[in-house]
Amino acid sequence: MWRRLNDNEPIYREDGARFLNLVLAYKDMTALGHPLDGLTVALLGLASDEQLRSKILQDPNYEFSPNAWVSHYYLMRTPIMTRCAGLFDVTRIRCGLQEVESADLIHRSAKAFLQNDDCGSRIMRYDQSTYQARV
């Protein structure tokens, strides 16, 4: 999957698998009735950044300025798209008064491939994070 993008390195495989696992965890949460509007590219990037996520979770008063948020978004957007090698579709959705980019699997068959197919399962195992860490 990553060879065609010249990203066939362990860190890229791990990142790609983590992005995919986060989307699957989001789908599980929404299926259980968790009230989420959509998994934005920015939120996916934030969830995948372990250092930043731990800062925010450890300090409830941690301030993440709008400029830092935009910078982080642009830093994460390209890796999210390239390391998931066409399994994601990014669309613009309405979130409150503004439009944001939402990341989702291209088709429900992609979820079945990642969870039930041997090749898909092998891809997902590159991410060593636990399910609890993702939700």
Protein backbone atom coordinates (compact mmCIF):
# COMPACT_ATOMS: atom_id res chain seq x y z
CA MET A 1 0.00 0.00 0.00
CA TRP A 2 2.76 2.49 0.89
CA ARG A 3 5.29 1.48 -1.78
CA ARG A 4 3.58 3.44 -4.52
CA LEU A 5 3.95 6.63 -2.44
CA ASN A 6 7.61 6.04 -1.50
CA ASP A 7 6.45 5.99 2.12
CA ASN A 8 7.28 2.34 2.74
CA GLU A 9 9.04 2.95 6.05
CA PRO A 10 7.94 1.62 9.44
CA ILE A 11 7.02 5.07 10.78
CA TYR A 12 4.80 5.80 7.77
CA ARG A 13 3.10 2.43 8.03
CA GLU A 14 2.49 3.03 11.75
CA ASP A 15 1.09 6.52 11.12
CA GLY A 16 -1.21 5.29 8.35
CA ALA A 17 -2.49 2.41 10.44
CA ARG A 18 -3.07 4.77 13.39
CA PHE A 19 -5.13 7.16 11.22
CA LEU A 20 -7.19 4.24 9.94
CA ASN A 21 -7.67 2.81 13.45
CA LEU A 22 -8.79 6.23 14.72
CA VAL A 23 -11.42 6.45 11.98
CA LEU A 24 -12.65 2.94 12.82
CA ALA A 25 -12.82 3.84 16.54
CA TYR A 26 -14.79 6.98 15.63
CA LYS A 27 -17.22 4.84 13.60
CA ASP A 28 -17.65 2.51 16.61
CA MET A 29 -18.39 5.48 18.88
CA THR A 30 -20.99 6.96 16.52
CA ALA A 31 -22.62 3.54 16.06
CA LEU A 32 -23.02 3.40 19.85
CA GLY A 33 -24.79 6.76 19.81
CA HIS A 34 -21.91 9.06 20.77
CA PRO A 35 -22.93 12.54 19.58
CA LEU A 36 -20.12 13.47 17.19
CA ASP A 37 -20.84 15.66 14.16
CA GLY A 38 -18.00 14.36 12.02
CA LEU A 39 -14.38 13.40 12.29
CA THR A 40 -12.59 16.45 10.97
CA VAL A 41 -9.12 16.26 9.48
CA ALA A 42 -7.98 18.63 12.24
CA LEU A 43 -9.41 16.41 14.99
CA LEU A 44 -7.90 13.30 13.40
CA GLY A 45 -4.53 15.03 13.29
CA LEU A 46 -4.86 16.09 16.92
CA ALA A 47 -5.88 12.59 18.03
CA SER A 48 -2.86 11.10 16.28
CA ASP A 49 -0.37 13.53 17.86
CA GLU A 50 0.42 11.76 21.14
CA GLN A 51 2.51 14.57 22.64
CA LEU A 52 -0.04 17.28 22.00
CA ARG A 53 -2.93 15.06 23.05
CA SER A 54 -1.26 14.26 26.38
CA LYS A 55 -0.56 17.98 27.03
CA ILE A 56 -4.22 18.80 26.48
CA LEU A 57 -5.48 15.88 28.58
CA GLN A 58 -3.07 16.56 31.47
CA ASP A 59 -3.76 20.28 31.69
CA PRO A 60 -7.43 21.28 31.39
CA ASN A 61 -6.30 24.92 31.08
CA TYR A 62 -3.91 24.22 28.20
CA GLU A 63 -4.47 26.86 25.55
CA PHE A 64 -4.19 25.93 21.91
CA SER A 65 -4.28 29.20 19.98
CA PRO A 66 -6.20 29.49 16.70
CA ASN A 67 -2.88 30.06 14.87
CA ALA A 68 -1.40 26.91 16.42
CA TRP A 69 -4.55 24.98 15.46
CA VAL A 70 -4.33 26.10 11.82
CA SER A 71 -0.61 25.37 11.70
CA HIS A 72 -1.17 21.91 13.16
CA TYR A 73 -3.97 21.25 10.67
CA TYR A 74 -1.79 22.05 7.65
CA LEU A 75 1.08 20.04 9.11
CA MET A 76 -1.13 16.94 9.55
CA ARG A 77 -3.38 17.10 6.45
CA THR A 78 -0.84 15.77 3.92
CA PRO A 79 0.36 12.81 6.04
CA ILE A 80 -3.26 11.84 6.76
CA MET A 81 -4.09 11.78 3.07
CA THR A 82 -0.92 10.15 1.75
CA ARG A 83 -0.40 7.54 4.44
CA CYS A 84 -3.89 6.17 4.07
CA ALA A 85 -3.30 5.54 0.36
CA GLY A 86 -6.74 6.20 -1.05
CA LEU A 87 -8.77 4.56 1.72
CA PHE A 88 -9.94 7.99 2.95
CA ASP A 89 -12.25 10.47 1.36
CA VAL A 90 -12.03 14.05 2.54
CA THR A 91 -15.15 16.15 2.10
CA ARG A 92 -16.20 19.57 3.28
CA ILE A 93 -18.97 19.54 5.87
CA ARG A 94 -20.80 22.24 7.78
CA CYS A 95 -19.73 22.44 11.41
CA GLY A 96 -21.61 25.21 13.18
CA LEU A 97 -21.14 28.37 11.15
CA GLN A 98 -18.10 27.22 9.21
CA GLU A 99 -17.08 24.55 6.74
CA VAL A 100 -14.41 22.04 7.74
CA GLU A 101 -12.83 19.03 6.09
CA SER A 102 -14.13 15.69 7.31
CA ALA A 103 -12.22 12.41 6.89
CA ASP A 104 -14.01 9.13 6.34
CA LEU A 105 -13.41 5.80 4.71
CA ILE A 106 -14.18 5.81 1.00
CA HIS A 107 -16.81 3.08 1.27
CA ARG A 108 -18.17 0.66 3.86
CA SER A 109 -16.29 -2.11 2.03
CA ALA A 110 -13.05 -0.39 3.14
CA LYS A 111 -14.04 -0.99 6.77
CA ALA A 112 -14.76 -4.66 6.03
CA PHE A 113 -11.41 -4.95 4.22
CA LEU A 114 -9.49 -3.43 7.15
CA GLN A 115 -11.24 -5.53 9.79
CA ASN A 116 -11.93 -8.86 8.06
CA ASP A 117 -9.37 -9.36 5.31
CA ASP A 118 -5.91 -10.80 6.03
CA CYS A 119 -4.18 -8.00 4.08
CA GLY A 120 -6.28 -5.35 5.82
CA SER A 121 -5.58 -6.85 9.24
CA ARG A 122 -1.87 -6.87 8.48
CA ILE A 123 -2.04 -3.15 7.63
CA MET A 124 -3.89 -2.36 10.87
CA ARG A 125 -1.35 -4.21 13.03
CA TYR A 126 1.31 -1.59 12.25
CA ASP A 127 -0.44 0.63 14.80
CA GLN A 128 0.50 -0.59 18.28
CA SER A 129 -1.87 1.72 20.18
CA THR A 130 -4.67 0.20 22.19
CA TYR A 131 -8.35 0.64 21.40
CA GLN A 132 -8.80 2.52 24.71
CA ALA A 133 -6.09 4.99 23.71
CA ARG A 134 -7.94 5.69 20.46
CA VAL A 135 -11.30 6.44 22.05
